Amino acid sequence: VAPIMEEIAGERPDIKVCKINVDEQPELAGQFAVMSIPTLMVMKD
């Protein structure tokens, strides 16, 4: 998925593409109840 995300980031200035490494940020993964990866989410407001 990683190269696809980078491609989208380069092509779509109307959105923000962000990556969260679950090993380095377990609190954020827990906050969103991420149990399996990759997990993709779209957030607005």
PDB file of all heavy atoms in Angstrom:
ATOM      1  N   VAL A   1       0.824  -1.213   0.000  1.00  0.00           N
ATOM      2  CA  VAL A   1       0.000   0.000   0.000  1.00  0.00           C
ATOM      3  C   VAL A   1       0.862   1.270   0.000  1.00  0.00           C
ATOM      4  O   VAL A   1       0.468   2.289  -0.572  1.00  0.00           O
ATOM      5  CB  VAL A   1      -0.967  -0.009   1.214  1.00  0.00           C
ATOM      6  CG1 VAL A   1      -1.646   1.331   1.404  1.00  0.00           C
ATOM      7  CG2 VAL A   1      -1.998  -1.126   1.056  1.00  0.00           C
ATOM      8  N   ALA A   2       2.046   1.218   0.604  1.00  0.00           N
ATOM      9  CA  ALA A   2       2.882   2.414   0.784  1.00  0.00           C
ATOM     10  C   ALA A   2       3.146   3.201  -0.505  1.00  0.00           C
ATOM     11  O   ALA A   2       2.946   4.420  -0.527  1.00  0.00           O
ATOM     12  CB  ALA A   2       4.191   2.040   1.469  1.00  0.00           C
ATOM     13  N   PRO A   3       3.567   2.561  -1.613  1.00  0.00           N
ATOM     14  CA  PRO A   3       3.816   3.357  -2.822  1.00  0.00           C
ATOM     15  C   PRO A   3       2.534   3.975  -3.399  1.00  0.00           C
ATOM     16  O   PRO A   3       2.572   5.057  -3.984  1.00  0.00           O
ATOM     17  CB  PRO A   3       4.446   2.380  -3.807  1.00  0.00           C
ATOM     18  CG  PRO A   3       4.273   1.021  -3.229  1.00  0.00           C
ATOM     19  CD  PRO A   3       3.976   1.170  -1.766  1.00  0.00           C
ATOM     20  N   ILE A   4       1.406   3.307  -3.196  1.00  0.00           N
ATOM     21  CA  ILE A   4       0.129   3.855  -3.661  1.00  0.00           C
ATOM     22  C   ILE A   4      -0.202   5.117  -2.876  1.00  0.00           C
ATOM     23  O   ILE A   4      -0.636   6.128  -3.450  1.00  0.00           O
ATOM     24  CB  ILE A   4      -1.003   2.807  -3.517  1.00  0.00           C
ATOM     25  CG1 ILE A   4      -0.718   1.583  -4.386  1.00  0.00           C
ATOM     26  CG2 ILE A   4      -2.353   3.423  -3.851  1.00  0.00           C
ATOM     27  CD1 ILE A   4      -1.631   0.392  -4.110  1.00  0.00           C
ATOM     28  N   MET A   5       0.028   5.071  -1.561  1.00  0.00           N
ATOM     29  CA  MET A   5      -0.245   6.239  -0.710  1.00  0.00           C
ATOM     30  C   MET A   5       0.643   7.423  -1.130  1.00  0.00           C
ATOM     31  O   MET A   5       0.179   8.560  -1.205  1.00  0.00           O
ATOM     32  CB  MET A   5      -0.021   5.895   0.759  1.00  0.00           C
ATOM     33  CG  MET A   5      -0.938   4.807   1.284  1.00  0.00           C
ATOM     34  SD  MET A   5      -2.681   5.256   1.268  1.00  0.00           S
ATOM     35  CE  MET A   5      -2.744   6.276   2.710  1.00  0.00           C
ATOM     36  N   GLU A   6       1.913   7.141  -1.423  1.00  0.00           N
ATOM     37  CA  GLU A   6       2.831   8.200  -1.863  1.00  0.00           C
ATOM     38  C   GLU A   6       2.379   8.784  -3.201  1.00  0.00           C
ATOM     39  O   GLU A   6       2.436   9.996  -3.412  1.00  0.00           O
ATOM     40  CB  GLU A   6       4.269   7.679  -1.960  1.00  0.00           C
ATOM     41  CG  GLU A   6       4.921   7.408  -0.630  1.00  0.00           C
ATOM     42  CD  GLU A   6       5.135   8.659   0.228  1.00  0.00           C
ATOM     43  OE1 GLU A   6       5.209   9.781  -0.302  1.00  0.00           O
ATOM     44  OE2 GLU A   6       5.228   8.498   1.458  1.00  0.00           O
ATOM     45  N   GLU A   7       1.923   7.915  -4.087  1.00  0.00           N
ATOM     46  CA  GLU A   7       1.430   8.357  -5.391  1.00  0.00           C
ATOM     47  C   GLU A   7       0.220   9.286  -5.223  1.00  0.00           C
ATOM     48  O   GLU A   7       0.147  10.353  -5.832  1.00  0.00           O
ATOM     49  CB  GLU A   7       1.029   7.122  -6.200  1.00  0.00           C
ATOM     50  CG  GLU A   7       1.065   7.288  -7.687  1.00  0.00           C
ATOM     51  CD  GLU A   7       0.803   5.955  -8.377  1.00  0.00           C
ATOM     52  OE1 GLU A   7       1.642   5.034  -8.262  1.00  0.00           O
ATOM     53  OE2 GLU A   7      -0.255   5.855  -9.026  1.00  0.00           O
ATOM     54  N   ILE A   8      -0.718   8.878  -4.371  1.00  0.00           N
ATOM     55  CA  ILE A   8      -1.905   9.695  -4.118  1.00  0.00           C
ATOM     56  C   ILE A   8      -1.497  11.033  -3.499  1.00  0.00           C
ATOM     57  O   ILE A   8      -2.019  12.083  -3.875  1.00  0.00           O
ATOM     58  CB  ILE A   8      -2.904   8.935  -3.210  1.00  0.00           C
ATOM     59  CG1 ILE A   8      -3.483   7.730  -3.958  1.00  0.00           C
ATOM     60  CG2 ILE A   8      -4.024   9.860  -2.728  1.00  0.00           C
ATOM     61  CD1 ILE A   8      -4.289   6.772  -3.090  1.00  0.00           C
ATOM     62  N   ALA A   9      -0.539  10.996  -2.580  1.00  0.00           N
ATOM     63  CA  ALA A   9      -0.069  12.234  -1.942  1.00  0.00           C
ATOM     64  C   ALA A   9       0.467  13.215  -2.982  1.00  0.00           C
ATOM     65  O   ALA A   9       0.250  14.431  -2.883  1.00  0.00           O
ATOM     66  CB  ALA A   9       1.003  11.923  -0.898  1.00  0.00           C
ATOM     67  N   GLY A  10       1.161  12.695  -3.994  1.00  0.00           N
ATOM     68  CA  GLY A  10       1.720  13.545  -5.039  1.00  0.00           C
ATOM     69  C   GLY A  10       0.692  14.058  -6.026  1.00  0.00           C
ATOM     70  O   GLY A  10       0.875  15.116  -6.628  1.00  0.00           O
ATOM     71  N   GLU A  11      -0.385  13.310  -6.192  1.00  0.00           N
ATOM     72  CA  GLU A  11      -1.386  13.660  -7.207  1.00  0.00           C
ATOM     73  C   GLU A  11      -2.563  14.477  -6.683  1.00  0.00           C
ATOM     74  O   GLU A  11      -3.272  15.101  -7.476  1.00  0.00           O
ATOM     75  CB  GLU A  11      -1.960  12.374  -7.822  1.00  0.00           C
ATOM     76  CG  GLU A  11      -0.964  11.581  -8.622  1.00  0.00           C
ATOM     77  CD  GLU A  11      -1.496  10.212  -9.051  1.00  0.00           C
ATOM     78  OE1 GLU A  11      -2.624   9.836  -8.654  1.00  0.00           O
ATOM     79  OE2 GLU A  11      -0.779   9.537  -9.785  1.00  0.00           O
ATOM     80  N   ARG A  12      -2.810  14.435  -5.388  1.00  0.00           N
ATOM     81  CA  ARG A  12      -4.035  15.028  -4.843  1.00  0.00           C
ATOM     82  C   ARG A  12      -3.736  16.121  -3.808  1.00  0.00           C
ATOM     83  O   ARG A  12      -3.726  15.852  -2.610  1.00  0.00           O
ATOM     84  CB  ARG A  12      -4.895  13.937  -4.183  1.00  0.00           C
ATOM     85  CG  ARG A  12      -5.439  12.872  -5.111  1.00  0.00           C
ATOM     86  CD  ARG A  12      -6.570  13.358  -6.001  1.00  0.00           C
ATOM     87  NE  ARG A  12      -7.686  13.892  -5.252  1.00  0.00           N
ATOM     88  CZ  ARG A  12      -8.759  13.207  -4.873  1.00  0.00           C
ATOM     89  NH1 ARG A  12      -8.867  11.932  -5.183  1.00  0.00           N
ATOM     90  NH2 ARG A  12      -9.725  13.796  -4.198  1.00  0.00           N
ATOM     91  N   PRO A  13      -3.508  17.347  -4.265  1.00  0.00           N
ATOM     92  CA  PRO A  13      -3.245  18.433  -3.307  1.00  0.00           C
ATOM     93  C   PRO A  13      -4.476  18.813  -2.474  1.00  0.00           C
ATOM     94  O   PRO A  13      -4.353  19.540  -1.497  1.00  0.00           O
ATOM     95  CB  PRO A  13      -2.803  19.598  -4.207  1.00  0.00           C
ATOM     96  CG  PRO A  13      -3.397  19.294  -5.547  1.00  0.00           C
ATOM     97  CD  PRO A  13      -3.459  17.789  -5.652  1.00  0.00           C
ATOM     98  N   ASP A  14      -5.650  18.286  -2.849  1.00  0.00           N
ATOM     99  CA  ASP A  14      -6.882  18.614  -2.130  1.00  0.00           C
ATOM    100  C   ASP A  14      -7.069  17.762  -0.869  1.00  0.00           C
ATOM    101  O   ASP A  14      -7.991  18.009  -0.089  1.00  0.00           O
ATOM    102  CB  ASP A  14      -8.098  18.422  -3.054  1.00  0.00           C
ATOM    103  CG  ASP A  14      -8.201  17.001  -3.617  1.00  0.00           C
ATOM    104  OD1 ASP A  14      -7.152  16.448  -4.017  1.00  0.00           O
ATOM    105  OD2 ASP A  14      -9.316  16.465  -3.655  1.00  0.00           O
ATOM    106  N   ILE A  15      -6.200  16.765  -0.678  1.00  0.00           N
ATOM    107  CA  ILE A  15      -6.270  15.957   0.542  1.00  0.00           C
ATOM    108  C   ILE A  15      -4.892  15.891   1.185  1.00  0.00           C
ATOM    109  O   ILE A  15      -3.883  16.217   0.561  1.00  0.00           O
ATOM    110  CB  ILE A  15      -6.772  14.517   0.266  1.00  0.00           C
ATOM    111  CG1 ILE A  15      -5.793  13.774  -0.642  1.00  0.00           C
ATOM    112  CG2 ILE A  15      -8.187  14.516  -0.276  1.00  0.00           C
ATOM    113  CD1 ILE A  15      -6.044  12.282  -0.725  1.00  0.00           C
ATOM    114  N   LYS A  16      -4.856  15.438   2.430  1.00  0.00           N
ATOM    115  CA  LYS A  16      -3.603  15.254   3.146  1.00  0.00           C
ATOM    116  C   LYS A  16      -3.439  13.751   3.379  1.00  0.00           C
ATOM    117  O   LYS A  16      -4.353  13.101   3.875  1.00  0.00           O
ATOM    118  CB  LYS A  16      -3.680  15.989   4.478  1.00  0.00           C
ATOM    119  CG  LYS A  16      -2.359  16.166   5.172  1.00  0.00           C
ATOM    120  CD  LYS A  16      -2.530  16.872   6.493  1.00  0.00           C
ATOM    121  CE  LYS A  16      -2.664  18.364   6.318  1.00  0.00           C
ATOM    122  NZ  LYS A  16      -2.610  19.065   7.616  1.00  0.00           N
ATOM    123  N   VAL A  17      -2.301  13.202   2.975  1.00  0.00           N
ATOM    124  CA  VAL A  17      -2.017  11.786   3.172  1.00  0.00           C
ATOM    125  C   VAL A  17      -1.035  11.659   4.333  1.00  0.00           C
ATOM    126  O   VAL A  17       0.020  12.283   4.332  1.00  0.00           O
ATOM    127  CB  VAL A  17      -1.429  11.149   1.889  1.00  0.00           C
ATOM    128  CG1 VAL A  17      -1.077   9.688   2.134  1.00  0.00           C
ATOM    129  CG2 VAL A  17      -2.403  11.289   0.728  1.00  0.00           C
ATOM    130  N   CYS A  18      -1.426  10.862   5.338  1.00  0.00           N
ATOM    131  CA  CYS A  18      -0.624  10.718   6.550  1.00  0.00           C
ATOM    132  C   CYS A  18      -0.422   9.255   6.885  1.00  0.00           C
ATOM    133  O   CYS A  18      -1.285   8.425   6.617  1.00  0.00           O
ATOM    134  CB  CYS A  18      -1.323  11.412   7.719  1.00  0.00           C
ATOM    135  SG  CYS A  18      -1.573  13.177   7.478  1.00  0.00           S
ATOM    136  N   LYS A  19       0.736   8.958   7.489  1.00  0.00           N
ATOM    137  CA  LYS A  19       1.082   7.592   7.871  1.00  0.00           C
ATOM    138  C   LYS A  19       1.352   7.550   9.372  1.00  0.00           C
ATOM    139  O   LYS A  19       2.008   8.434   9.904  1.00  0.00           O
ATOM    140  CB  LYS A  19       2.342   7.142   7.138  1.00  0.00           C
ATOM    141  CG  LYS A  19       2.201   7.141   5.632  1.00  0.00           C
ATOM    142  CD  LYS A  19       3.521   6.884   4.945  1.00  0.00           C
ATOM    143  CE  LYS A  19       4.125   5.574   5.254  1.00  0.00           C
ATOM    144  NZ  LYS A  19       3.707   4.431   4.462  1.00  0.00           N
ATOM    145  N   ILE A  20       0.843   6.490  10.019  1.00  0.00           N
ATOM    146  CA  ILE A  20       1.100   6.276  11.441  1.00  0.00           C
ATOM    147  C   ILE A  20       1.698   4.880  11.606  1.00  0.00           C
ATOM    148  O   ILE A  20       1.039   3.883  11.323  1.00  0.00           O
ATOM    149  CB  ILE A  20      -0.185   6.405  12.277  1.00  0.00           C
ATOM    150  CG1 ILE A  20      -0.752   7.823  12.158  1.00  0.00           C
ATOM    151  CG2 ILE A  20       0.095   6.048  13.741  1.00  0.00           C
ATOM    152  CD1 ILE A  20      -2.073   8.036  12.879  1.00  0.00           C
ATOM    153  N   ASN A  21       2.947   4.827  12.059  1.00  0.00           N
ATOM    154  CA  ASN A  21       3.613   3.559  12.331  1.00  0.00           C
ATOM    155  C   ASN A  21       3.089   3.049  13.675  1.00  0.00           C
ATOM    156  O   ASN A  21       3.336   3.654  14.714  1.00  0.00           O
ATOM    157  CB  ASN A  21       5.130   3.771  12.367  1.00  0.00           C
ATOM    158  CG  ASN A  21       5.896   2.485  12.604  1.00  0.00           C
ATOM    159  OD1 ASN A  21       5.438   1.574  13.277  1.00  0.00           O
ATOM    160  ND2 ASN A  21       7.096   2.436  12.058  1.00  0.00           N
ATOM    161  N   VAL A  22       2.345   1.942  13.650  1.00  0.00           N
ATOM    162  CA  VAL A  22       1.693   1.447  14.874  1.00  0.00           C
ATOM    163  C   VAL A  22       2.704   0.969  15.916  1.00  0.00           C
ATOM    164  O   VAL A  22       2.404   0.989  17.113  1.00  0.00           O
ATOM    165  CB  VAL A  22       0.653   0.341  14.577  1.00  0.00           C
ATOM    166  CG1 VAL A  22      -0.475   0.878  13.712  1.00  0.00           C
ATOM    167  CG2 VAL A  22       1.288  -0.875  13.930  1.00  0.00           C
ATOM    168  N   ASP A  23       3.898   0.557  15.489  1.00  0.00           N
ATOM    169  CA  ASP A  23       4.927   0.136  16.445  1.00  0.00           C
ATOM    170  C   ASP A  23       5.483   1.332  17.214  1.00  0.00           C
ATOM    171  O   ASP A  23       5.792   1.224  18.396  1.00  0.00           O
ATOM    172  CB  ASP A  23       6.078  -0.581  15.731  1.00  0.00           C
ATOM    173  CG  ASP A  23       5.684  -1.953  15.216  1.00  0.00           C
ATOM    174  OD1 ASP A  23       4.674  -2.504  15.698  1.00  0.00           O
ATOM    175  OD2 ASP A  23       6.391  -2.469  14.325  1.00  0.00           O
ATOM    176  N   GLU A  24       5.618   2.473  16.526  1.00  0.00           N
ATOM    177  CA  GLU A  24       6.172   3.674  17.157  1.00  0.00           C
ATOM    178  C   GLU A  24       5.106   4.514  17.859  1.00  0.00           C
ATOM    179  O   GLU A  24       5.430   5.311  18.730  1.00  0.00           O
ATOM    180  CB  GLU A  24       6.884   4.525  16.096  1.00  0.00           C
ATOM    181  CG  GLU A  24       8.100   3.844  15.507  1.00  0.00           C
ATOM    182  CD  GLU A  24       8.717   4.637  14.361  1.00  0.00           C
ATOM    183  OE1 GLU A  24       8.180   5.701  13.990  1.00  0.00           O
ATOM    184  OE2 GLU A  24       9.748   4.169  13.834  1.00  0.00           O
ATOM    185  N   GLN A  25       3.851   4.360  17.452  1.00  0.00           N
ATOM    186  CA  GLN A  25       2.754   5.173  18.006  1.00  0.00           C
ATOM    187  C   GLN A  25       1.608   4.277  18.505  1.00  0.00           C
ATOM    188  O   GLN A  25       0.471   4.375  18.043  1.00  0.00           O
ATOM    189  CB  GLN A  25       2.231   6.144  16.934  1.00  0.00           C
ATOM    190  CG  GLN A  25       3.266   7.081  16.355  1.00  0.00           C
ATOM    191  CD  GLN A  25       3.884   7.989  17.415  1.00  0.00           C
ATOM    192  OE1 GLN A  25       3.205   8.484  18.304  1.00  0.00           O
ATOM    193  NE2 GLN A  25       5.183   8.196  17.309  1.00  0.00           N
ATOM    194  N   PRO A  26       1.880   3.395  19.483  1.00  0.00           N
ATOM    195  CA  PRO A  26       0.825   2.484  19.939  1.00  0.00           C
ATOM    196  C   PRO A  26      -0.367   3.207  20.566  1.00  0.00           C
ATOM    197  O   PRO A  26      -1.497   2.718  20.496  1.00  0.00           O
ATOM    198  CB  PRO A  26       1.533   1.584  20.951  1.00  0.00           C
ATOM    199  CG  PRO A  26       2.725   2.357  21.396  1.00  0.00           C
ATOM    200  CD  PRO A  26       3.134   3.195  20.202  1.00  0.00           C
ATOM    201  N   GLU A  27      -0.131   4.394  21.141  1.00  0.00           N
ATOM    202  CA  GLU A  27      -1.242   5.140  21.751  1.00  0.00           C
ATOM    203  C   GLU A  27      -2.241   5.587  20.678  1.00  0.00           C
ATOM    204  O   GLU A  27      -3.447   5.494  20.879  1.00  0.00           O
ATOM    205  CB  GLU A  27      -0.743   6.378  22.511  1.00  0.00           C
ATOM    206  CG  GLU A  27       0.220   6.070  23.636  1.00  0.00           C
ATOM    207  CD  GLU A  27       1.685   6.030  23.177  1.00  0.00           C
ATOM    208  OE1 GLU A  27       1.954   6.167  21.961  1.00  0.00           O
ATOM    209  OE2 GLU A  27       2.557   5.852  24.042  1.00  0.00           O
ATOM    210  N   LEU A  28      -1.739   6.064  19.544  1.00  0.00           N
ATOM    211  CA  LEU A  28      -2.633   6.494  18.465  1.00  0.00           C
ATOM    212  C   LEU A  28      -3.361   5.300  17.868  1.00  0.00           C
ATOM    213  O   LEU A  28      -4.553   5.372  17.577  1.00  0.00           O
ATOM    214  CB  LEU A  28      -1.859   7.253  17.379  1.00  0.00           C
ATOM    215  CG  LEU A  28      -1.359   8.643  17.757  1.00  0.00           C
ATOM    216  CD1 LEU A  28      -0.499   9.227  16.635  1.00  0.00           C
ATOM    217  CD2 LEU A  28      -2.501   9.571  18.082  1.00  0.00           C
ATOM    218  N   ALA A  29      -2.660   4.179  17.694  1.00  0.00           N
ATOM    219  CA  ALA A  29      -3.309   2.971  17.172  1.00  0.00           C
ATOM    220  C   ALA A  29      -4.415   2.533  18.132  1.00  0.00           C
ATOM    221  O   ALA A  29      -5.516   2.173  17.716  1.00  0.00           O
ATOM    222  CB  ALA A  29      -2.283   1.858  16.973  1.00  0.00           C
ATOM    223  N   GLY A  30      -4.143   2.607  19.430  1.00  0.00           N
ATOM    224  CA  GLY A  30      -5.135   2.234  20.428  1.00  0.00           C
ATOM    225  C   GLY A  30      -6.315   3.178  20.451  1.00  0.00           C
ATOM    226  O   GLY A  30      -7.468   2.758  20.620  1.00  0.00           O
ATOM    227  N   GLN A  31      -6.044   4.452  20.275  1.00  0.00           N
ATOM    228  CA  GLN A  31      -7.099   5.470  20.264  1.00  0.00           C
ATOM    229  C   GLN A  31      -8.123   5.189  19.167  1.00  0.00           C
ATOM    230  O   GLN A  31      -9.309   5.459  19.323  1.00  0.00           O
ATOM    231  CB  GLN A  31      -6.450   6.845  20.061  1.00  0.00           C
ATOM    232  CG  GLN A  31      -7.391   8.011  20.079  1.00  0.00           C
ATOM    233  CD  GLN A  31      -6.634   9.336  19.908  1.00  0.00           C
ATOM    234  OE1 GLN A  31      -5.479   9.464  20.297  1.00  0.00           O
ATOM    235  NE2 GLN A  31      -7.287  10.300  19.302  1.00  0.00           N
ATOM    236  N   PHE A  32      -7.660   4.615  18.053  1.00  0.00           N
ATOM    237  CA  PHE A  32      -8.548   4.311  16.929  1.00  0.00           C
ATOM    238  C   PHE A  32      -8.908   2.821  16.867  1.00  0.00           C
ATOM    239  O   PHE A  32      -9.469   2.369  15.877  1.00  0.00           O
ATOM    240  CB  PHE A  32      -7.909   4.762  15.614  1.00  0.00           C
ATOM    241  CG  PHE A  32      -7.879   6.251  15.473  1.00  0.00           C
ATOM    242  CD1 PHE A  32      -6.759   6.974  15.844  1.00  0.00           C
ATOM    243  CD2 PHE A  32      -8.993   6.937  15.018  1.00  0.00           C
ATOM    244  CE1 PHE A  32      -6.739   8.353  15.738  1.00  0.00           C
ATOM    245  CE2 PHE A  32      -8.985   8.314  14.909  1.00  0.00           C
ATOM    246  CZ  PHE A  32      -7.863   9.019  15.276  1.00  0.00           C
ATOM    247  N   ALA A  33      -8.569   2.066  17.921  1.00  0.00           N
ATOM    248  CA  ALA A  33      -8.878   0.642  18.011  1.00  0.00           C
ATOM    249  C   ALA A  33      -8.392  -0.136  16.787  1.00  0.00           C
ATOM    250  O   ALA A  33      -9.085  -0.994  16.267  1.00  0.00           O
ATOM    251  CB  ALA A  33     -10.378   0.430  18.228  1.00  0.00           C
ATOM    252  N   VAL A  34      -7.198   0.186  16.330  1.00  0.00           N
ATOM    253  CA  VAL A  34      -6.613  -0.511  15.181  1.00  0.00           C
ATOM    254  C   VAL A  34      -6.149  -1.890  15.637  1.00  0.00           C
ATOM    255  O   VAL A  34      -5.287  -1.999  16.495  1.00  0.00           O
ATOM    256  CB  VAL A  34      -5.441   0.301  14.574  1.00  0.00           C
ATOM    257  CG1 VAL A  34      -4.715  -0.500  13.509  1.00  0.00           C
ATOM    258  CG2 VAL A  34      -5.947   1.613  14.004  1.00  0.00           C
ATOM    259  N   MET A  35      -6.756  -2.930  15.085  1.00  0.00           N
ATOM    260  CA  MET A  35      -6.430  -4.304  15.453  1.00  0.00           C
ATOM    261  C   MET A  35      -5.659  -5.021  14.350  1.00  0.00           C
ATOM    262  O   MET A  35      -4.940  -5.970  14.621  1.00  0.00           O
ATOM    263  CB  MET A  35      -7.714  -5.096  15.744  1.00  0.00           C
ATOM    264  CG  MET A  35      -8.485  -4.586  16.923  1.00  0.00           C
ATOM    265  SD  MET A  35      -7.524  -4.839  18.419  1.00  0.00           S
ATOM    266  CE  MET A  35      -8.315  -3.700  19.514  1.00  0.00           C
ATOM    267  N   SER A  36      -5.845  -4.595  13.109  1.00  0.00           N
ATOM    268  CA  SER A  36      -5.163  -5.204  11.962  1.00  0.00           C
ATOM    269  C   SER A  36      -4.598  -4.087  11.094  1.00  0.00           C
ATOM    270  O   SER A  36      -5.162  -2.994  11.049  1.00  0.00           O
ATOM    271  CB  SER A  36      -6.151  -6.020  11.126  1.00  0.00           C
ATOM    272  OG  SER A  36      -6.678  -7.083  11.879  1.00  0.00           O
ATOM    273  N   ILE A  37      -3.482  -4.396  10.433  1.00  0.00           N
ATOM    274  CA  ILE A  37      -2.900  -3.404   9.535  1.00  0.00           C
ATOM    275  C   ILE A  37      -2.683  -4.042   8.168  1.00  0.00           C
ATOM    276  O   ILE A  37      -2.542  -5.258   8.081  1.00  0.00           O
ATOM    277  CB  ILE A  37      -1.582  -2.824  10.102  1.00  0.00           C
ATOM    278  CG1 ILE A  37      -0.603  -3.946  10.464  1.00  0.00           C
ATOM    279  CG2 ILE A  37      -1.853  -1.910  11.265  1.00  0.00           C
ATOM    280  CD1 ILE A  37       0.760  -3.459  10.891  1.00  0.00           C
ATOM    281  N   PRO A  38      -2.674  -3.267   7.100  1.00  0.00           N
ATOM    282  CA  PRO A  38      -2.928  -1.822   7.121  1.00  0.00           C
ATOM    283  C   PRO A  38      -4.398  -1.497   7.401  1.00  0.00           C
ATOM    284  O   PRO A  38      -5.286  -2.215   6.968  1.00  0.00           O
ATOM    285  CB  PRO A  38      -2.548  -1.382   5.705  1.00  0.00           C
ATOM    286  CG  PRO A  38      -2.774  -2.601   4.851  1.00  0.00           C
ATOM    287  CD  PRO A  38      -2.454  -3.780   5.737  1.00  0.00           C
ATOM    288  N   THR A  39      -4.595  -0.445   8.164  1.00  0.00           N
ATOM    289  CA  THR A  39      -5.928   0.134   8.339  1.00  0.00           C
ATOM    290  C   THR A  39      -5.881   1.515   7.722  1.00  0.00           C
ATOM    291  O   THR A  39      -5.010   2.315   8.058  1.00  0.00           O
ATOM    292  CB  THR A  39      -6.330   0.223   9.826  1.00  0.00           C
ATOM    293  OG1 THR A  39      -6.503  -1.096  10.346  1.00  0.00           O
ATOM    294  CG2 THR A  39      -7.634   0.989   9.998  1.00  0.00           C
ATOM    295  N   LEU A  40      -6.797   1.783   6.809  1.00  0.00           N
ATOM    296  CA  LEU A  40      -6.883   3.083   6.152  1.00  0.00           C
ATOM    297  C   LEU A  40      -8.125   3.795   6.657  1.00  0.00           C
ATOM    298  O   LEU A  40      -9.188   3.183   6.759  1.00  0.00           O
ATOM    299  CB  LEU A  40      -6.969   2.913   4.633  1.00  0.00           C
ATOM    300  CG  LEU A  40      -5.840   2.105   3.983  1.00  0.00           C
ATOM    301  CD1 LEU A  40      -6.112   1.919   2.510  1.00  0.00           C
ATOM    302  CD2 LEU A  40      -4.503   2.770   4.208  1.00  0.00           C
ATOM    303  N   MET A  41      -7.983   5.069   6.985  1.00  0.00           N
ATOM    304  CA  MET A  41      -9.118   5.868   7.438  1.00  0.00           C
ATOM    305  C   MET A  41      -9.133   7.189   6.703  1.00  0.00           C
ATOM    306  O   MET A  41      -8.082   7.740   6.385  1.00  0.00           O
ATOM    307  CB  MET A  41      -9.013   6.169   8.937  1.00  0.00           C
ATOM    308  CG  MET A  41      -9.176   4.982   9.819  1.00  0.00           C
ATOM    309  SD  MET A  41      -9.156   5.459  11.556  1.00  0.00           S
ATOM    310  CE  MET A  41      -9.132   3.848  12.301  1.00  0.00           C
ATOM    311  N   VAL A  42     -10.325   7.685   6.458  1.00  0.00           N
ATOM    312  CA  VAL A  42     -10.492   9.028   5.918  1.00  0.00           C
ATOM    313  C   VAL A  42     -11.148   9.847   7.024  1.00  0.00           C
ATOM    314  O   VAL A  42     -12.194   9.462   7.558  1.00  0.00           O
ATOM    315  CB  VAL A  42     -11.365   9.043   4.649  1.00  0.00           C
ATOM    316  CG1 VAL A  42     -11.544  10.468   4.141  1.00  0.00           C
ATOM    317  CG2 VAL A  42     -10.743   8.162   3.571  1.00  0.00           C
ATOM    318  N   MET A  43     -10.509  10.957   7.377  1.00  0.00           N
ATOM    319  CA  MET A  43     -11.048  11.831   8.415  1.00  0.00           C
ATOM    320  C   MET A  43     -11.338  13.203   7.838  1.00  0.00           C
ATOM    321  O   MET A  43     -10.580  13.710   7.005  1.00  0.00           O
ATOM    322  CB  MET A  43     -10.080  11.945   9.588  1.00  0.00           C
ATOM    323  CG  MET A  43      -9.885  10.622  10.300  1.00  0.00           C
ATOM    324  SD  MET A  43      -8.899  10.771  11.793  1.00  0.00           S
ATOM    325  CE  MET A  43     -10.017  11.650  12.867  1.00  0.00           C
ATOM    326  N   LYS A  44     -12.424  13.775   8.269  1.00  0.00           N
ATOM    327  CA  LYS A  44     -12.788  15.118   7.864  1.00  0.00           C
ATOM    328  C   LYS A  44     -13.330  15.831   9.094  1.00  0.00           C
ATOM    329  O   LYS A  44     -14.137  15.262   9.825  1.00  0.00           O
ATOM    330  CB  LYS A  44     -13.845  15.061   6.755  1.00  0.00           C
ATOM    331  CG  LYS A  44     -14.113  16.404   6.124  1.00  0.00           C
ATOM    332  CD  LYS A  44     -14.973  16.268   4.891  1.00  0.00           C
ATOM    333  CE  LYS A  44     -15.115  17.649   4.284  1.00  0.00           C
ATOM    334  NZ  LYS A  44     -15.860  17.649   3.061  1.00  0.00           N
ATOM    335  N   ASP A  45     -12.864  17.053   9.317  1.00  0.00           N
ATOM    336  CA  ASP A  45     -13.270  17.829  10.484  1.00  0.00           C
ATOM    337  C   ASP A  45     -13.073  17.039  11.777  1.00  0.00           C
ATOM    338  O   ASP A  45     -13.900  17.094  12.686  1.00  0.00           O
ATOM    339  CB  ASP A  45     -14.730  18.284  10.349  1.00  0.00           C
ATOM    340  CG  ASP A  45     -14.951  19.135   9.098  1.00  0.00           C
ATOM    341  OD1 ASP A  45     -14.044  19.942   8.777  1.00  0.00           O
ATOM    342  OD2 ASP A  45     -15.992  18.993   8.449  1.00  0.00           O
TER     343      ASP A  45
END
